[in-house]
Amino acid sequence: MKKKEKKEYLPIEDIWKRYDNRYKGVLKVAEEARRLFEITQERDSEFISKAIQKLMNGKLKK
């Protein structure tokens, strides 16, 4: 039996509040998502969501 996954919505607008230049924030998320993919090589993981969460928790440099 499959475990039920909880879907969580992450507002992109919150990234825009952290960065003066919203495109720089989105670029940081994209770079981190790419790095996570290269490490794990799993296609079914949610790399973008994980990268956004890291950014919002302050674990990525500005």
PDB file of N, CA and C in Angstrom:
ATOM      1  N   MET A   1       0.829  -1.168   0.000  1.00  0.00           N
ATOM      2  CA  MET A   1       0.000   0.000   0.000  1.00  0.00           C
ATOM      3  C   MET A   1       0.883   1.243   0.000  1.00  0.00           C
ATOM      4  N   LYS A   2       0.589   2.182  -0.872  1.00  0.00           N
ATOM      5  CA  LYS A   2       1.397   3.381  -0.981  1.00  0.00           C
ATOM      6  C   LYS A   2       1.097   4.344   0.155  1.00  0.00           C
ATOM      7  N   LYS A   3       2.154   4.983   0.604  1.00  0.00           N
ATOM      8  CA  LYS A   3       2.026   6.002   1.632  1.00  0.00           C
ATOM      9  C   LYS A   3       1.444   7.268   1.013  1.00  0.00           C
ATOM     10  N   LYS A   4       0.466   7.863   1.677  1.00  0.00           N
ATOM     11  CA  LYS A   4      -0.142   9.086   1.168  1.00  0.00           C
ATOM     12  C   LYS A   4       0.838  10.238   1.300  1.00  0.00           C
ATOM     13  N   GLU A   5       1.067  10.938   0.213  1.00  0.00           N
ATOM     14  CA  GLU A   5       1.967  12.067   0.233  1.00  0.00           C
ATOM     15  C   GLU A   5       1.184  13.347   0.476  1.00  0.00           C
ATOM     16  N   LYS A   6       1.729  14.169   1.320  1.00  0.00           N
ATOM     17  CA  LYS A   6       1.100  15.456   1.598  1.00  0.00           C
ATOM     18  C   LYS A   6       1.627  16.474   0.578  1.00  0.00           C
ATOM     19  N   LYS A   7       0.742  17.081  -0.165  1.00  0.00           N
ATOM     20  CA  LYS A   7       1.125  18.100  -1.132  1.00  0.00           C
ATOM     21  C   LYS A   7       1.163  19.444  -0.427  1.00  0.00           C
ATOM     22  N   GLU A   8       2.242  20.142  -0.629  1.00  0.00           N
ATOM     23  CA  GLU A   8       2.405  21.442  -0.001  1.00  0.00           C
ATOM     24  C   GLU A   8       2.653  22.477  -1.082  1.00  0.00           C
ATOM     25  N   TYR A   9       1.968  23.590  -0.971  1.00  0.00           N
ATOM     26  CA  TYR A   9       2.126  24.662  -1.944  1.00  0.00           C
ATOM     27  C   TYR A   9       3.064  25.714  -1.377  1.00  0.00           C
ATOM     28  N   LEU A  10       4.065  26.059  -2.162  1.00  0.00           N
ATOM     29  CA  LEU A  10       5.046  27.038  -1.744  1.00  0.00           C
ATOM     30  C   LEU A  10       4.875  28.294  -2.584  1.00  0.00           C
ATOM     31  N   PRO A  11       4.510  29.395  -1.962  1.00  0.00           N
ATOM     32  CA  PRO A  11       4.260  30.613  -2.728  1.00  0.00           C
ATOM     33  C   PRO A  11       5.546  31.249  -3.255  1.00  0.00           C
ATOM     34  N   ILE A  12       5.621  31.419  -4.548  1.00  0.00           N
ATOM     35  CA  ILE A  12       6.774  32.042  -5.189  1.00  0.00           C
ATOM     36  C   ILE A  12       6.871  33.510  -4.766  1.00  0.00           C
ATOM     37  N   GLU A  13       5.750  34.135  -4.453  1.00  0.00           N
ATOM     38  CA  GLU A  13       5.751  35.537  -4.053  1.00  0.00           C
ATOM     39  C   GLU A  13       6.620  35.773  -2.821  1.00  0.00           C
ATOM     40  N   ASP A  14       6.738  34.760  -1.955  1.00  0.00           N
ATOM     41  CA  ASP A  14       7.580  34.911  -0.773  1.00  0.00           C
ATOM     42  C   ASP A  14       9.052  35.044  -1.140  1.00  0.00           C
ATOM     43  N   ILE A  15       9.456  34.414  -2.224  1.00  0.00           N
ATOM     44  CA  ILE A  15      10.833  34.565  -2.703  1.00  0.00           C
ATOM     45  C   ILE A  15      11.053  36.015  -3.119  1.00  0.00           C
ATOM     46  N   TRP A  16      10.084  36.585  -3.791  1.00  0.00           N
ATOM     47  CA  TRP A  16      10.207  37.952  -4.282  1.00  0.00           C
ATOM     48  C   TRP A  16      10.358  38.932  -3.127  1.00  0.00           C
ATOM     49  N   LYS A  17       9.776  38.614  -1.978  1.00  0.00           N
ATOM     50  CA  LYS A  17       9.891  39.493  -0.813  1.00  0.00           C
ATOM     51  C   LYS A  17      11.298  39.469  -0.222  1.00  0.00           C
ATOM     52  N   ARG A  18      12.001  38.360  -0.377  1.00  0.00           N
ATOM     53  CA  ARG A  18      13.347  38.228   0.185  1.00  0.00           C
ATOM     54  C   ARG A  18      14.409  38.897  -0.674  1.00  0.00           C
ATOM     55  N   TYR A  19      14.171  39.004  -1.953  1.00  0.00           N
ATOM     56  CA  TYR A  19      15.162  39.536  -2.892  1.00  0.00           C
ATOM     57  C   TYR A  19      14.647  40.809  -3.536  1.00  0.00           C
ATOM     58  N   ASP A  20      15.526  41.799  -3.652  1.00  0.00           N
ATOM     59  CA  ASP A  20      15.165  43.015  -4.386  1.00  0.00           C
ATOM     60  C   ASP A  20      14.926  42.675  -5.852  1.00  0.00           C
ATOM     61  N   ASN A  21      15.772  41.813  -6.374  1.00  0.00           N
ATOM     62  CA  ASN A  21      15.650  41.362  -7.759  1.00  0.00           C
ATOM     63  C   ASN A  21      15.040  39.959  -7.732  1.00  0.00           C
ATOM     64  N   ARG A  22      13.778  39.839  -8.092  1.00  0.00           N
ATOM     65  CA  ARG A  22      13.075  38.548  -7.990  1.00  0.00           C
ATOM     66  C   ARG A  22      13.696  37.472  -8.860  1.00  0.00           C
ATOM     67  N   TYR A  23      14.314  37.860  -9.970  1.00  0.00           N
ATOM     68  CA  TYR A  23      14.913  36.878 -10.866  1.00  0.00           C
ATOM     69  C   TYR A  23      16.145  36.239 -10.241  1.00  0.00           C
ATOM     70  N   LYS A  24      16.844  36.992  -9.408  1.00  0.00           N
ATOM     71  CA  LYS A  24      18.001  36.436  -8.706  1.00  0.00           C
ATOM     72  C   LYS A  24      17.553  35.352  -7.726  1.00  0.00           C
ATOM     73  N   GLY A  25      16.435  35.561  -7.059  1.00  0.00           N
ATOM     74  CA  GLY A  25      15.902  34.550  -6.145  1.00  0.00           C
ATOM     75  C   GLY A  25      15.495  33.280  -6.872  1.00  0.00           C
ATOM     76  N   VAL A  26      14.842  33.456  -7.997  1.00  0.00           N
ATOM     77  CA  VAL A  26      14.424  32.295  -8.796  1.00  0.00           C
ATOM     78  C   VAL A  26      15.650  31.564  -9.339  1.00  0.00           C
ATOM     79  N   LEU A  27      16.690  32.317  -9.720  1.00  0.00           N
ATOM     80  CA  LEU A  27      17.936  31.711 -10.208  1.00  0.00           C
ATOM     81  C   LEU A  27      18.596  30.877  -9.112  1.00  0.00           C
ATOM     82  N   LYS A  28      18.610  31.387  -7.879  1.00  0.00           N
ATOM     83  CA  LYS A  28      19.186  30.628  -6.758  1.00  0.00           C
ATOM     84  C   LYS A  28      18.436  29.315  -6.536  1.00  0.00           C
ATOM     85  N   VAL A  29      17.123  29.363  -6.645  1.00  0.00           N
ATOM     86  CA  VAL A  29      16.309  28.150  -6.490  1.00  0.00           C
ATOM     87  C   VAL A  29      16.638  27.164  -7.606  1.00  0.00           C
ATOM     88  N   ALA A  30      16.756  27.654  -8.829  1.00  0.00           N
ATOM     89  CA  ALA A  30      17.059  26.777  -9.968  1.00  0.00           C
ATOM     90  C   ALA A  30      18.433  26.129  -9.813  1.00  0.00           C
ATOM     91  N   GLU A  31      19.413  26.901  -9.365  1.00  0.00           N
ATOM     92  CA  GLU A  31      20.758  26.350  -9.163  1.00  0.00           C
ATOM     93  C   GLU A  31      20.756  25.262  -8.098  1.00  0.00           C
ATOM     94  N   GLU A  32      20.044  25.499  -7.012  1.00  0.00           N
ATOM     95  CA  GLU A  32      19.975  24.498  -5.940  1.00  0.00           C
ATOM     96  C   GLU A  32      19.215  23.257  -6.392  1.00  0.00           C
ATOM     97  N   ALA A  33      18.147  23.436  -7.139  1.00  0.00           N
ATOM     98  CA  ALA A  33      17.390  22.284  -7.646  1.00  0.00           C
ATOM     99  C   ALA A  33      18.270  21.445  -8.574  1.00  0.00           C
ATOM    100  N   ARG A  34      19.046  22.093  -9.413  1.00  0.00           N
ATOM    101  CA  ARG A  34      19.960  21.365 -10.303  1.00  0.00           C
ATOM    102  C   ARG A  34      21.007  20.605  -9.501  1.00  0.00           C
ATOM    103  N   ARG A  35      21.534  21.232  -8.447  1.00  0.00           N
ATOM    104  CA  ARG A  35      22.533  20.584  -7.608  1.00  0.00           C
ATOM    105  C   ARG A  35      21.935  19.354  -6.904  1.00  0.00           C
ATOM    106  N   LEU A  36      20.728  19.486  -6.382  1.00  0.00           N
ATOM    107  CA  LEU A  36      20.071  18.357  -5.726  1.00  0.00           C
ATOM    108  C   LEU A  36      19.839  17.210  -6.698  1.00  0.00           C
ATOM    109  N   PHE A  37      19.459  17.520  -7.928  1.00  0.00           N
ATOM    110  CA  PHE A  37      19.237  16.481  -8.930  1.00  0.00           C
ATOM    111  C   PHE A  37      20.535  15.750  -9.246  1.00  0.00           C
ATOM    112  N   GLU A  38      21.630  16.507  -9.390  1.00  0.00           N
ATOM    113  CA  GLU A  38      22.908  15.885  -9.727  1.00  0.00           C
ATOM    114  C   GLU A  38      23.401  14.963  -8.619  1.00  0.00           C
ATOM    115  N   ILE A  39      23.075  15.303  -7.386  1.00  0.00           N
ATOM    116  CA  ILE A  39      23.504  14.469  -6.256  1.00  0.00           C
ATOM    117  C   ILE A  39      22.721  13.164  -6.207  1.00  0.00           C
ATOM    118  N   THR A  40      21.405  13.236  -6.366  1.00  0.00           N
ATOM    119  CA  THR A  40      20.570  12.053  -6.156  1.00  0.00           C
ATOM    120  C   THR A  40      20.236  11.290  -7.429  1.00  0.00           C
ATOM    121  N   GLN A  41      20.112  11.979  -8.553  1.00  0.00           N
ATOM    122  CA  GLN A  41      19.771  11.368  -9.841  1.00  0.00           C
ATOM    123  C   GLN A  41      18.426  10.630  -9.811  1.00  0.00           C
ATOM    124  N   GLU A  42      17.531  11.041  -8.927  1.00  0.00           N
ATOM    125  CA  GLU A  42      16.198  10.447  -8.873  1.00  0.00           C
ATOM    126  C   GLU A  42      15.220  11.342  -9.606  1.00  0.00           C
ATOM    127  N   ARG A  43      14.511  10.795 -10.537  1.00  0.00           N
ATOM    128  CA  ARG A  43      13.608  11.605 -11.351  1.00  0.00           C
ATOM    129  C   ARG A  43      12.288  11.941 -10.652  1.00  0.00           C
ATOM    130  N   ASP A  44      11.918  11.163  -9.648  1.00  0.00           N
ATOM    131  CA  ASP A  44      10.616  11.387  -9.026  1.00  0.00           C
ATOM    132  C   ASP A  44      10.658  12.319  -7.814  1.00  0.00           C
ATOM    133  N   SER A  45      11.818  12.799  -7.447  1.00  0.00           N
ATOM    134  CA  SER A  45      11.908  13.728  -6.313  1.00  0.00           C
ATOM    135  C   SER A  45      11.449  15.115  -6.716  1.00  0.00           C
ATOM    136  N   GLU A  46      11.070  15.886  -5.735  1.00  0.00           N
ATOM    137  CA  GLU A  46      10.601  17.241  -5.977  1.00  0.00           C
ATOM    138  C   GLU A  46      11.728  18.219  -5.666  1.00  0.00           C
ATOM    139  N   PHE A  47      12.640  18.371  -6.605  1.00  0.00           N
ATOM    140  CA  PHE A  47      13.826  19.179  -6.392  1.00  0.00           C
ATOM    141  C   PHE A  47      13.503  20.658  -6.225  1.00  0.00           C
ATOM    142  N   ILE A  48      12.574  21.155  -6.999  1.00  0.00           N
ATOM    143  CA  ILE A  48      12.250  22.575  -6.935  1.00  0.00           C
ATOM    144  C   ILE A  48      11.625  22.910  -5.583  1.00  0.00           C
ATOM    145  N   SER A  49      10.722  22.082  -5.115  1.00  0.00           N
ATOM    146  CA  SER A  49      10.099  22.321  -3.809  1.00  0.00           C
ATOM    147  C   SER A  49      11.132  22.305  -2.691  1.00  0.00           C
ATOM    148  N   LYS A  50      12.047  21.356  -2.760  1.00  0.00           N
ATOM    149  CA  LYS A  50      13.095  21.280  -1.742  1.00  0.00           C
ATOM    150  C   LYS A  50      13.995  22.507  -1.792  1.00  0.00           C
ATOM    151  N   ALA A  51      14.318  22.957  -2.986  1.00  0.00           N
ATOM    152  CA  ALA A  51      15.173  24.132  -3.133  1.00  0.00           C
ATOM    153  C   ALA A  51      14.474  25.389  -2.617  1.00  0.00           C
ATOM    154  N   ILE A  52      13.186  25.529  -2.890  1.00  0.00           N
ATOM    155  CA  ILE A  52      12.433  26.686  -2.387  1.00  0.00           C
ATOM    156  C   ILE A  52      12.379  26.661  -0.863  1.00  0.00           C
ATOM    157  N   GLN A  53      12.159  25.496  -0.300  1.00  0.00           N
ATOM    158  CA  GLN A  53      12.115  25.388   1.155  1.00  0.00           C
ATOM    159  C   GLN A  53      13.454  25.775   1.771  1.00  0.00           C
ATOM    160  N   LYS A  54      14.561  25.347   1.150  1.00  0.00           N
ATOM    161  CA  LYS A  54      15.883  25.711   1.652  1.00  0.00           C
ATOM    162  C   LYS A  54      16.088  27.217   1.602  1.00  0.00           C
ATOM    163  N   LEU A  55      15.658  27.833   0.516  1.00  0.00           N
ATOM    164  CA  LEU A  55      15.795  29.281   0.384  1.00  0.00           C
ATOM    165  C   LEU A  55      14.971  29.999   1.444  1.00  0.00           C
ATOM    166  N   MET A  56      13.738  29.568   1.638  1.00  0.00           N
ATOM    167  CA  MET A  56      12.851  30.228   2.589  1.00  0.00           C
ATOM    168  C   MET A  56      13.306  30.013   4.034  1.00  0.00           C
ATOM    169  N   ASN A  57      14.015  28.926   4.304  1.00  0.00           N
ATOM    170  CA  ASN A  57      14.534  28.660   5.652  1.00  0.00           C
ATOM    171  C   ASN A  57      15.875  29.337   5.897  1.00  0.00           C
ATOM    172  N   GLY A  58      16.395  30.033   4.875  1.00  0.00           N
ATOM    173  CA  GLY A  58      17.657  30.747   5.022  1.00  0.00           C
ATOM    174  C   GLY A  58      18.885  29.871   4.885  1.00  0.00           C
ATOM    175  N   LYS A  59      18.745  28.694   4.280  1.00  0.00           N
ATOM    176  CA  LYS A  59      19.887  27.790   4.141  1.00  0.00           C
ATOM    177  C   LYS A  59      20.671  28.018   2.857  1.00  0.00           C
ATOM    178  N   LEU A  60      20.182  28.898   1.978  1.00  0.00           N
ATOM    179  CA  LEU A  60      20.908  29.253   0.763  1.00  0.00           C
ATOM    180  C   LEU A  60      21.403  30.686   0.887  1.00  0.00           C
ATOM    181  N   LYS A  61      22.618  30.919   0.385  1.00  0.00           N
ATOM    182  CA  LYS A  61      23.161  32.273   0.421  1.00  0.00           C
ATOM    183  C   LYS A  61      22.434  33.161  -0.553  1.00  0.00           C
ATOM    184  N   LYS A  62      22.327  34.436  -0.197  1.00  0.00           N
ATOM    185  CA  LYS A  62      21.700  35.404  -1.093  1.00  0.00           C
ATOM    186  C   LYS A  62      22.628  35.761  -2.223  1.00  0.00           C
TER     187      LYS A  62
END
